[in-house]
Amino acid sequence: MMEVDHETQQVYVEQMHMISAEDLQFLQPSEEAVSTRLTAPIVTTYIDIDKISFERYLTEGDSNYFKNL
């Protein structure tokens, strides 16, 4: 794999190797881990970014600060 950084005019090279079948079995999750993932509830949080608004409230101290600028 080659990555070219045009700003610094450098090329980064990385060689990728295949993993052996023996090493692959170490990546298998345990039955307990699979069971935990399957029984855990899926939680999704959705924020409607079209309806977000931000307002700034000035306190008395803030308004005095801006008057003195």
N, C-alpha and C. Protein backbone atom coordinates (compact mmCIF):
# COMPACT_ATOMS: atom_id res chain seq x y z
N MET A 1 0.86 -1.15 0.00
CA MET A 1 0.00 0.00 0.00
C MET A 1 0.91 1.23 0.00
N MET A 2 0.56 2.19 -0.80
CA MET A 2 1.34 3.42 -0.88
C MET A 2 0.45 4.61 -0.56
N GLU A 3 0.96 5.50 0.24
CA GLU A 3 0.26 6.73 0.57
C GLU A 3 1.15 7.90 0.19
N VAL A 4 0.60 8.82 -0.59
CA VAL A 4 1.37 9.96 -1.07
C VAL A 4 0.91 11.21 -0.33
N ASP A 5 1.85 11.90 0.30
CA ASP A 5 1.58 13.17 0.95
C ASP A 5 2.12 14.26 0.03
N HIS A 6 1.22 14.90 -0.69
CA HIS A 6 1.64 15.88 -1.68
C HIS A 6 2.21 17.15 -1.05
N GLU A 7 1.76 17.49 0.14
CA GLU A 7 2.26 18.71 0.80
C GLU A 7 3.72 18.57 1.21
N THR A 8 4.08 17.41 1.77
CA THR A 8 5.47 17.21 2.20
C THR A 8 6.30 16.52 1.14
N GLN A 9 5.67 16.13 0.05
CA GLN A 9 6.31 15.42 -1.06
C GLN A 9 7.00 14.15 -0.58
N GLN A 10 6.25 13.36 0.22
CA GLN A 10 6.76 12.10 0.73
C GLN A 10 5.81 10.98 0.36
N VAL A 11 6.37 9.78 0.22
CA VAL A 11 5.58 8.59 -0.07
C VAL A 11 5.82 7.59 1.05
N TYR A 12 4.74 7.06 1.61
CA TYR A 12 4.83 6.06 2.67
C TYR A 12 4.42 4.71 2.06
N VAL A 13 5.23 3.69 2.28
CA VAL A 13 4.97 2.37 1.73
C VAL A 13 4.82 1.39 2.89
N GLU A 14 3.77 0.58 2.81
CA GLU A 14 3.54 -0.43 3.83
C GLU A 14 3.16 -1.72 3.12
N GLN A 15 3.82 -2.81 3.49
CA GLN A 15 3.51 -4.10 2.89
C GLN A 15 2.51 -4.83 3.77
N MET A 16 1.52 -5.42 3.13
CA MET A 16 0.50 -6.16 3.86
C MET A 16 0.69 -7.64 3.60
N HIS A 17 0.54 -8.44 4.63
CA HIS A 17 0.75 -9.88 4.53
C HIS A 17 -0.54 -10.60 4.91
N MET A 18 -0.72 -11.78 4.36
CA MET A 18 -1.87 -12.61 4.69
C MET A 18 -1.65 -13.24 6.06
N ILE A 19 -2.72 -13.37 6.81
CA ILE A 19 -2.65 -14.01 8.12
C ILE A 19 -2.87 -15.50 7.92
N SER A 20 -2.17 -16.30 8.69
CA SER A 20 -2.31 -17.75 8.55
C SER A 20 -3.60 -18.21 9.23
N ALA A 21 -4.06 -19.39 8.84
CA ALA A 21 -5.29 -19.95 9.42
C ALA A 21 -5.12 -20.20 10.91
N GLU A 22 -3.91 -20.56 11.33
CA GLU A 22 -3.65 -20.79 12.76
C GLU A 22 -3.78 -19.51 13.56
N ASP A 23 -3.29 -18.41 13.01
CA ASP A 23 -3.41 -17.12 13.70
C ASP A 23 -4.84 -16.60 13.66
N LEU A 24 -5.59 -17.01 12.66
CA LEU A 24 -6.96 -16.53 12.52
C LEU A 24 -7.86 -17.01 13.65
N GLN A 25 -7.61 -18.20 14.17
CA GLN A 25 -8.47 -18.71 15.24
C GLN A 25 -8.32 -17.92 16.54
N PHE A 26 -7.21 -17.19 16.70
CA PHE A 26 -7.06 -16.35 17.89
C PHE A 26 -7.95 -15.12 17.82
N LEU A 27 -8.43 -14.79 16.62
CA LEU A 27 -9.30 -13.63 16.46
C LEU A 27 -10.77 -13.97 16.67
N GLN A 28 -11.09 -15.24 16.84
CA GLN A 28 -12.48 -15.66 17.04
C GLN A 28 -12.92 -15.29 18.45
N PRO A 29 -14.08 -14.64 18.59
CA PRO A 29 -14.56 -14.30 19.94
C PRO A 29 -15.06 -15.54 20.66
N SER A 30 -15.04 -15.49 21.97
CA SER A 30 -15.54 -16.62 22.76
C SER A 30 -17.05 -16.69 22.64
N GLU A 31 -17.61 -17.85 22.99
CA GLU A 31 -19.07 -18.01 22.94
C GLU A 31 -19.75 -17.05 23.92
N GLU A 32 -19.10 -16.81 25.04
CA GLU A 32 -19.65 -15.89 26.03
C GLU A 32 -19.72 -14.46 25.47
N ALA A 33 -18.68 -14.05 24.74
CA ALA A 33 -18.66 -12.71 24.15
C ALA A 33 -19.76 -12.56 23.10
N VAL A 34 -19.96 -13.59 22.29
CA VAL A 34 -21.01 -13.55 21.27
C VAL A 34 -22.37 -13.50 21.94
N SER A 35 -22.57 -14.32 22.96
CA SER A 35 -23.84 -14.35 23.67
C SER A 35 -24.15 -13.00 24.31
N THR A 36 -23.15 -12.38 24.89
CA THR A 36 -23.33 -11.07 25.52
C THR A 36 -23.75 -10.03 24.49
N ARG A 37 -23.10 -10.05 23.34
CA ARG A 37 -23.44 -9.07 22.29
C ARG A 37 -24.84 -9.30 21.74
N LEU A 38 -25.25 -10.55 21.62
CA LEU A 38 -26.57 -10.85 21.06
C LEU A 38 -27.70 -10.54 22.03
N THR A 39 -27.43 -10.59 23.32
CA THR A 39 -28.49 -10.34 24.30
C THR A 39 -28.51 -8.89 24.79
N ALA A 40 -27.48 -8.12 24.47
CA ALA A 40 -27.44 -6.72 24.89
C ALA A 40 -28.36 -5.88 24.00
N PRO A 41 -29.08 -4.95 24.59
CA PRO A 41 -29.95 -4.11 23.76
C PRO A 41 -29.14 -3.18 22.86
N ILE A 42 -29.70 -2.90 21.72
CA ILE A 42 -29.06 -1.97 20.80
C ILE A 42 -29.58 -0.58 21.12
N VAL A 43 -28.67 0.34 21.37
CA VAL A 43 -29.04 1.70 21.72
C VAL A 43 -28.58 2.63 20.59
N THR A 44 -29.51 3.38 20.06
CA THR A 44 -29.19 4.32 19.01
C THR A 44 -29.68 5.70 19.44
N THR A 45 -28.83 6.68 19.35
CA THR A 45 -29.20 8.05 19.66
C THR A 45 -29.21 8.83 18.37
N TYR A 46 -30.31 9.49 18.09
CA TYR A 46 -30.44 10.27 16.86
C TYR A 46 -30.67 11.72 17.22
N ILE A 47 -29.90 12.59 16.63
CA ILE A 47 -30.08 14.03 16.84
C ILE A 47 -30.45 14.64 15.51
N ASP A 48 -31.58 15.32 15.48
CA ASP A 48 -32.02 16.00 14.26
C ASP A 48 -31.28 17.34 14.17
N ILE A 49 -30.22 17.36 13.38
CA ILE A 49 -29.37 18.54 13.33
C ILE A 49 -30.02 19.72 12.62
N ASP A 50 -31.11 19.47 11.90
CA ASP A 50 -31.81 20.57 11.24
C ASP A 50 -32.58 21.43 12.23
N LYS A 51 -32.88 20.89 13.40
CA LYS A 51 -33.69 21.63 14.37
C LYS A 51 -32.89 22.10 15.58
N ILE A 52 -31.57 22.09 15.47
CA ILE A 52 -30.74 22.55 16.58
C ILE A 52 -30.54 24.06 16.45
N SER A 53 -30.70 24.76 17.56
CA SER A 53 -30.40 26.19 17.56
C SER A 53 -29.65 26.51 18.84
N PHE A 54 -28.80 27.49 18.75
CA PHE A 54 -28.02 27.91 19.90
C PHE A 54 -28.34 29.35 20.19
N GLU A 55 -28.56 29.64 21.45
CA GLU A 55 -28.86 31.00 21.87
C GLU A 55 -27.89 31.38 22.97
N ARG A 56 -27.54 32.63 23.00
CA ARG A 56 -26.64 33.11 24.04
C ARG A 56 -27.40 34.05 24.95
N TYR A 57 -27.37 33.75 26.21
CA TYR A 57 -28.01 34.60 27.21
C TYR A 57 -26.93 35.35 27.97
N LEU A 58 -27.05 36.65 28.00
CA LEU A 58 -26.09 37.47 28.73
C LEU A 58 -26.60 37.69 30.14
N THR A 59 -25.72 37.49 31.08
CA THR A 59 -26.08 37.81 32.46
C THR A 59 -25.69 39.25 32.73
N GLU A 60 -26.02 39.75 33.86
CA GLU A 60 -25.71 41.13 34.19
C GLU A 60 -24.20 41.37 34.16
N GLY A 61 -23.43 40.42 34.64
CA GLY A 61 -21.98 40.56 34.63
C GLY A 61 -21.43 40.62 33.21
N ASP A 62 -22.01 39.83 32.31
CA ASP A 62 -21.56 39.83 30.92
C ASP A 62 -21.84 41.17 30.25
N SER A 63 -23.03 41.72 30.49
CA SER A 63 -23.37 42.98 29.83
C SER A 63 -22.47 44.10 30.35
N ASN A 64 -22.12 44.10 31.62
CA ASN A 64 -21.19 45.10 32.15
C ASN A 64 -19.81 44.95 31.51
N TYR A 65 -19.39 43.71 31.28
CA TYR A 65 -18.09 43.48 30.66
C TYR A 65 -18.04 44.08 29.26
N PHE A 66 -19.10 43.85 28.47
CA PHE A 66 -19.10 44.35 27.09
C PHE A 66 -19.23 45.88 27.04
N LYS A 67 -19.86 46.48 28.03
CA LYS A 67 -19.98 47.94 28.07
C LYS A 67 -18.62 48.59 28.30
N ASN A 68 -17.75 47.90 29.05
CA ASN A 68 -16.46 48.47 29.38
C ASN A 68 -15.42 48.28 28.29
N LEU A 69 -15.73 47.58 27.22
CA LEU A 69 -14.74 47.35 26.15
C LEU A 69 -14.51 48.55 25.32
